Amino acid sequence: MNDIVFTLEFSDLDANAHANEKLAEGWKLLHVGTINTADVDENGNPFLYTIYVVGANQEQYDNYLQEEATLKNIDWNKEIENILLDNSSHDE
């Protein structure tokens, strides 16, 4: 664990899938637990979400930063337009 330089915490509805993606990339599972939310059920009990904490070494963290930078530079409007155009051509 001495090589961990960065951690990510996942606690939303897709937390398990996100954690599994990072584990498949070689990140280490550091913690699994639960977290209270502001949401409550019909009996007034708080919803608990599973929380996953994963850690990356320097190489994995560098790759993560590159992926994040790439995502920030994507023209999402253009990407959506391309998807819609591709889908409409299948309808013909």
N, C-alpha and C. Protein backbone atom coordinates (compact mmCIF):
# COMPACT_ATOMS: atom_id res chain seq x y z
N MET A 1 0.82 -1.20 0.00
CA MET A 1 0.00 0.00 0.00
C MET A 1 0.86 1.26 0.00
N ASN A 2 2.13 1.13 0.18
CA ASN A 2 3.00 2.30 0.21
C ASN A 2 3.09 3.00 -1.13
N ASP A 3 2.67 2.34 -2.21
CA ASP A 3 2.76 2.96 -3.53
C ASP A 3 1.51 3.74 -3.91
N ILE A 4 0.52 3.82 -3.04
CA ILE A 4 -0.71 4.56 -3.33
C ILE A 4 -0.41 6.05 -3.26
N VAL A 5 -0.74 6.77 -4.36
CA VAL A 5 -0.52 8.21 -4.40
C VAL A 5 -1.81 8.99 -4.58
N PHE A 6 -2.92 8.28 -4.87
CA PHE A 6 -4.19 8.95 -5.16
C PHE A 6 -5.33 8.00 -4.84
N THR A 7 -6.42 8.54 -4.30
CA THR A 7 -7.59 7.71 -4.01
C THR A 7 -8.83 8.32 -4.66
N LEU A 8 -9.77 7.44 -4.98
CA LEU A 8 -11.09 7.85 -5.46
C LEU A 8 -12.13 7.16 -4.59
N GLU A 9 -13.23 7.86 -4.36
CA GLU A 9 -14.33 7.32 -3.57
C GLU A 9 -15.58 7.30 -4.45
N PHE A 10 -16.23 6.16 -4.49
CA PHE A 10 -17.47 6.02 -5.25
C PHE A 10 -18.60 5.68 -4.28
N SER A 11 -19.71 6.44 -4.35
CA SER A 11 -20.81 6.17 -3.43
C SER A 11 -22.17 6.42 -4.05
N ASP A 12 -22.23 6.49 -5.37
CA ASP A 12 -23.52 6.71 -6.02
C ASP A 12 -24.14 5.37 -6.42
N LEU A 13 -25.21 5.41 -7.19
CA LEU A 13 -25.88 4.16 -7.58
C LEU A 13 -25.00 3.30 -8.49
N ASP A 14 -24.04 3.90 -9.18
CA ASP A 14 -23.14 3.16 -10.06
C ASP A 14 -21.79 2.89 -9.40
N ALA A 15 -21.70 3.03 -8.09
CA ALA A 15 -20.43 2.91 -7.39
C ALA A 15 -19.75 1.57 -7.64
N ASN A 16 -20.51 0.50 -7.61
CA ASN A 16 -19.93 -0.82 -7.80
C ASN A 16 -19.30 -0.94 -9.18
N ALA A 17 -20.00 -0.49 -10.20
CA ALA A 17 -19.48 -0.57 -11.57
C ALA A 17 -18.23 0.29 -11.72
N HIS A 18 -18.25 1.50 -11.14
CA HIS A 18 -17.08 2.37 -11.24
C HIS A 18 -15.88 1.76 -10.52
N ALA A 19 -16.11 1.20 -9.35
CA ALA A 19 -15.03 0.57 -8.59
C ALA A 19 -14.48 -0.62 -9.36
N ASN A 20 -15.36 -1.42 -9.96
CA ASN A 20 -14.91 -2.58 -10.74
C ASN A 20 -14.07 -2.16 -11.93
N GLU A 21 -14.41 -1.05 -12.57
CA GLU A 21 -13.61 -0.55 -13.69
C GLU A 21 -12.19 -0.23 -13.23
N LYS A 22 -12.08 0.43 -12.11
CA LYS A 22 -10.75 0.80 -11.60
C LYS A 22 -9.99 -0.45 -11.14
N LEU A 23 -10.67 -1.40 -10.52
CA LEU A 23 -10.00 -2.63 -10.11
C LEU A 23 -9.47 -3.38 -11.32
N ALA A 24 -10.23 -3.37 -12.42
CA ALA A 24 -9.78 -4.03 -13.65
C ALA A 24 -8.54 -3.35 -14.22
N GLU A 25 -8.37 -2.06 -13.91
CA GLU A 25 -7.19 -1.32 -14.35
C GLU A 25 -6.02 -1.49 -13.39
N GLY A 26 -6.21 -2.28 -12.34
CA GLY A 26 -5.12 -2.55 -11.41
C GLY A 26 -5.12 -1.71 -10.14
N TRP A 27 -6.11 -0.84 -9.99
CA TRP A 27 -6.19 -0.05 -8.76
C TRP A 27 -6.45 -1.01 -7.60
N LYS A 28 -6.13 -0.57 -6.38
CA LYS A 28 -6.33 -1.41 -5.20
C LYS A 28 -7.57 -0.97 -4.44
N LEU A 29 -8.32 -1.97 -3.97
CA LEU A 29 -9.48 -1.70 -3.14
C LEU A 29 -9.00 -1.41 -1.73
N LEU A 30 -9.31 -0.23 -1.23
CA LEU A 30 -8.83 0.19 0.09
C LEU A 30 -9.89 0.09 1.17
N HIS A 31 -11.16 0.27 0.77
CA HIS A 31 -12.22 0.27 1.78
C HIS A 31 -13.58 0.04 1.12
N VAL A 32 -14.43 -0.69 1.81
CA VAL A 32 -15.84 -0.84 1.44
C VAL A 32 -16.64 -0.60 2.70
N GLY A 33 -17.64 0.25 2.59
CA GLY A 33 -18.48 0.55 3.74
C GLY A 33 -19.81 1.09 3.28
N THR A 34 -20.49 1.81 4.17
CA THR A 34 -21.77 2.42 3.81
C THR A 34 -21.71 3.90 4.16
N ILE A 35 -22.59 4.64 3.50
CA ILE A 35 -22.69 6.07 3.76
C ILE A 35 -24.17 6.43 3.82
N ASN A 36 -24.53 7.25 4.80
CA ASN A 36 -25.91 7.74 4.91
C ASN A 36 -26.16 8.80 3.85
N THR A 37 -27.37 8.88 3.40
CA THR A 37 -27.75 9.92 2.46
C THR A 37 -28.83 10.78 3.09
N ALA A 38 -29.16 11.86 2.45
CA ALA A 38 -30.25 12.71 2.94
C ALA A 38 -31.60 12.11 2.60
N ASP A 39 -31.61 11.11 1.71
CA ASP A 39 -32.86 10.47 1.31
C ASP A 39 -33.35 9.51 2.40
N VAL A 40 -34.66 9.44 2.53
CA VAL A 40 -35.25 8.51 3.50
C VAL A 40 -36.34 7.70 2.81
N ASP A 41 -36.58 6.50 3.33
CA ASP A 41 -37.66 5.66 2.78
C ASP A 41 -38.99 6.05 3.42
N GLU A 42 -40.04 5.31 3.07
CA GLU A 42 -41.38 5.65 3.56
C GLU A 42 -41.52 5.54 5.08
N ASN A 43 -40.59 4.83 5.73
CA ASN A 43 -40.63 4.69 7.19
C ASN A 43 -39.72 5.69 7.89
N GLY A 44 -39.10 6.56 7.11
CA GLY A 44 -38.22 7.57 7.71
C GLY A 44 -36.80 7.09 7.92
N ASN A 45 -36.47 5.88 7.46
CA ASN A 45 -35.12 5.36 7.61
C ASN A 45 -34.24 5.90 6.48
N PRO A 46 -33.02 6.29 6.81
CA PRO A 46 -32.14 6.81 5.76
C PRO A 46 -31.70 5.70 4.80
N PHE A 47 -31.56 6.07 3.53
CA PHE A 47 -30.99 5.13 2.57
C PHE A 47 -29.49 5.07 2.82
N LEU A 48 -28.96 3.88 2.75
CA LEU A 48 -27.52 3.68 2.87
C LEU A 48 -26.98 3.26 1.51
N TYR A 49 -25.94 3.91 1.08
CA TYR A 49 -25.27 3.53 -0.15
C TYR A 49 -23.94 2.87 0.20
N THR A 50 -23.57 1.88 -0.60
CA THR A 50 -22.26 1.28 -0.43
C THR A 50 -21.22 2.25 -0.96
N ILE A 51 -20.13 2.38 -0.23
CA ILE A 51 -19.05 3.25 -0.63
C ILE A 51 -17.81 2.40 -0.88
N TYR A 52 -17.14 2.70 -1.96
CA TYR A 52 -15.90 2.00 -2.33
C TYR A 52 -14.79 3.04 -2.43
N VAL A 53 -13.65 2.75 -1.83
CA VAL A 53 -12.48 3.60 -1.96
C VAL A 53 -11.40 2.78 -2.63
N VAL A 54 -10.89 3.31 -3.74
CA VAL A 54 -9.83 2.63 -4.48
C VAL A 54 -8.62 3.55 -4.55
N GLY A 55 -7.44 2.93 -4.64
CA GLY A 55 -6.20 3.70 -4.68
C GLY A 55 -5.37 3.36 -5.88
N ALA A 56 -4.64 4.36 -6.37
CA ALA A 56 -3.81 4.19 -7.56
C ALA A 56 -2.34 4.48 -7.24
N ASN A 57 -1.46 3.75 -7.94
CA ASN A 57 -0.05 4.08 -7.87
C ASN A 57 0.22 5.25 -8.83
N GLN A 58 1.45 5.70 -8.92
CA GLN A 58 1.75 6.88 -9.73
C GLN A 58 1.42 6.66 -11.21
N GLU A 59 1.73 5.50 -11.76
CA GLU A 59 1.45 5.23 -13.17
C GLU A 59 -0.06 5.25 -13.45
N GLN A 60 -0.83 4.60 -12.58
CA GLN A 60 -2.28 4.57 -12.74
C GLN A 60 -2.87 5.98 -12.59
N TYR A 61 -2.32 6.74 -11.66
CA TYR A 61 -2.80 8.11 -11.46
C TYR A 61 -2.50 8.97 -12.68
N ASP A 62 -1.31 8.83 -13.25
CA ASP A 62 -0.96 9.57 -14.46
C ASP A 62 -1.92 9.23 -15.60
N ASN A 63 -2.24 7.94 -15.76
CA ASN A 63 -3.20 7.52 -16.79
C ASN A 63 -4.58 8.12 -16.53
N TYR A 64 -4.98 8.13 -15.27
CA TYR A 64 -6.26 8.72 -14.89
C TYR A 64 -6.31 10.20 -15.26
N LEU A 65 -5.23 10.93 -14.98
CA LEU A 65 -5.19 12.35 -15.32
C LEU A 65 -5.28 12.57 -16.82
N GLN A 66 -4.63 11.71 -17.59
CA GLN A 66 -4.71 11.81 -19.06
C GLN A 66 -6.14 11.57 -19.54
N GLU A 67 -6.79 10.54 -18.99
CA GLU A 67 -8.18 10.24 -19.37
C GLU A 67 -9.10 11.41 -19.04
N GLU A 68 -8.93 11.99 -17.86
CA GLU A 68 -9.76 13.13 -17.44
C GLU A 68 -9.53 14.33 -18.36
N ALA A 69 -8.29 14.59 -18.73
CA ALA A 69 -7.98 15.71 -19.62
C ALA A 69 -8.61 15.48 -20.99
N THR A 70 -8.58 14.25 -21.47
CA THR A 70 -9.18 13.92 -22.76
C THR A 70 -10.68 14.16 -22.72
N LEU A 71 -11.34 13.73 -21.64
CA LEU A 71 -12.78 13.91 -21.51
C LEU A 71 -13.16 15.39 -21.47
N LYS A 72 -12.33 16.21 -20.85
CA LYS A 72 -12.63 17.64 -20.76
C LYS A 72 -12.54 18.32 -22.12
N ASN A 73 -11.75 17.76 -23.02
CA ASN A 73 -11.55 18.38 -24.32
C ASN A 73 -12.51 17.88 -25.39
N ILE A 74 -13.40 16.97 -25.04
CA ILE A 74 -14.36 16.44 -26.00
C ILE A 74 -15.49 17.46 -26.20
N ASP A 75 -15.84 17.70 -27.44
CA ASP A 75 -16.99 18.54 -27.76
C ASP A 75 -18.23 17.65 -27.68
N TRP A 76 -18.87 17.65 -26.50
CA TRP A 76 -19.98 16.74 -26.25
C TRP A 76 -21.16 17.02 -27.17
N ASN A 77 -21.38 18.27 -27.51
CA ASN A 77 -22.48 18.58 -28.43
C ASN A 77 -22.23 17.92 -29.79
N LYS A 78 -21.01 17.98 -30.27
CA LYS A 78 -20.67 17.35 -31.54
C LYS A 78 -20.81 15.84 -31.44
N GLU A 79 -20.38 15.26 -30.32
CA GLU A 79 -20.49 13.81 -30.13
C GLU A 79 -21.95 13.37 -30.15
N ILE A 80 -22.82 14.11 -29.48
CA ILE A 80 -24.24 13.78 -29.45
C ILE A 80 -24.84 13.91 -30.85
N GLU A 81 -24.46 14.96 -31.55
CA GLU A 81 -24.94 15.16 -32.91
C GLU A 81 -24.54 13.98 -33.80
N ASN A 82 -23.31 13.52 -33.68
CA ASN A 82 -22.84 12.37 -34.47
C ASN A 82 -23.62 11.10 -34.14
N ILE A 83 -23.89 10.90 -32.87
CA ILE A 83 -24.65 9.71 -32.45
C ILE A 83 -26.06 9.76 -33.03
N LEU A 84 -26.68 10.93 -32.95
CA LEU A 84 -28.03 11.08 -33.49
C LEU A 84 -28.05 10.87 -34.99
N LEU A 85 -27.05 11.38 -35.69
CA LEU A 85 -26.96 11.18 -37.12
C LEU A 85 -26.77 9.71 -37.47
N ASP A 86 -25.91 9.03 -36.71
CA ASP A 86 -25.68 7.59 -36.94
C ASP A 86 -26.95 6.81 -36.71
N ASN A 87 -27.67 7.12 -35.66
CA ASN A 87 -28.91 6.41 -35.33
C ASN A 87 -30.00 6.67 -36.37
N SER A 88 -30.07 7.89 -36.89
CA SER A 88 -31.11 8.19 -37.87
C SER A 88 -30.83 7.49 -39.19
N SER A 89 -29.56 7.24 -39.51
CA SER A 89 -29.24 6.55 -40.76
C SER A 89 -29.62 5.07 -40.70
N HIS A 90 -29.74 4.52 -39.50
CA HIS A 90 -30.14 3.12 -39.33
C HIS A 90 -31.64 2.92 -39.52
N ASP A 91 -32.37 4.02 -39.38
CA ASP A 91 -33.82 3.95 -39.49
C ASP A 91 -34.29 3.84 -40.95
N GLU A 92 -33.41 4.14 -41.87
CA GLU A 92 -33.82 4.14 -43.29
C GLU A 92 -33.89 2.77 -43.87
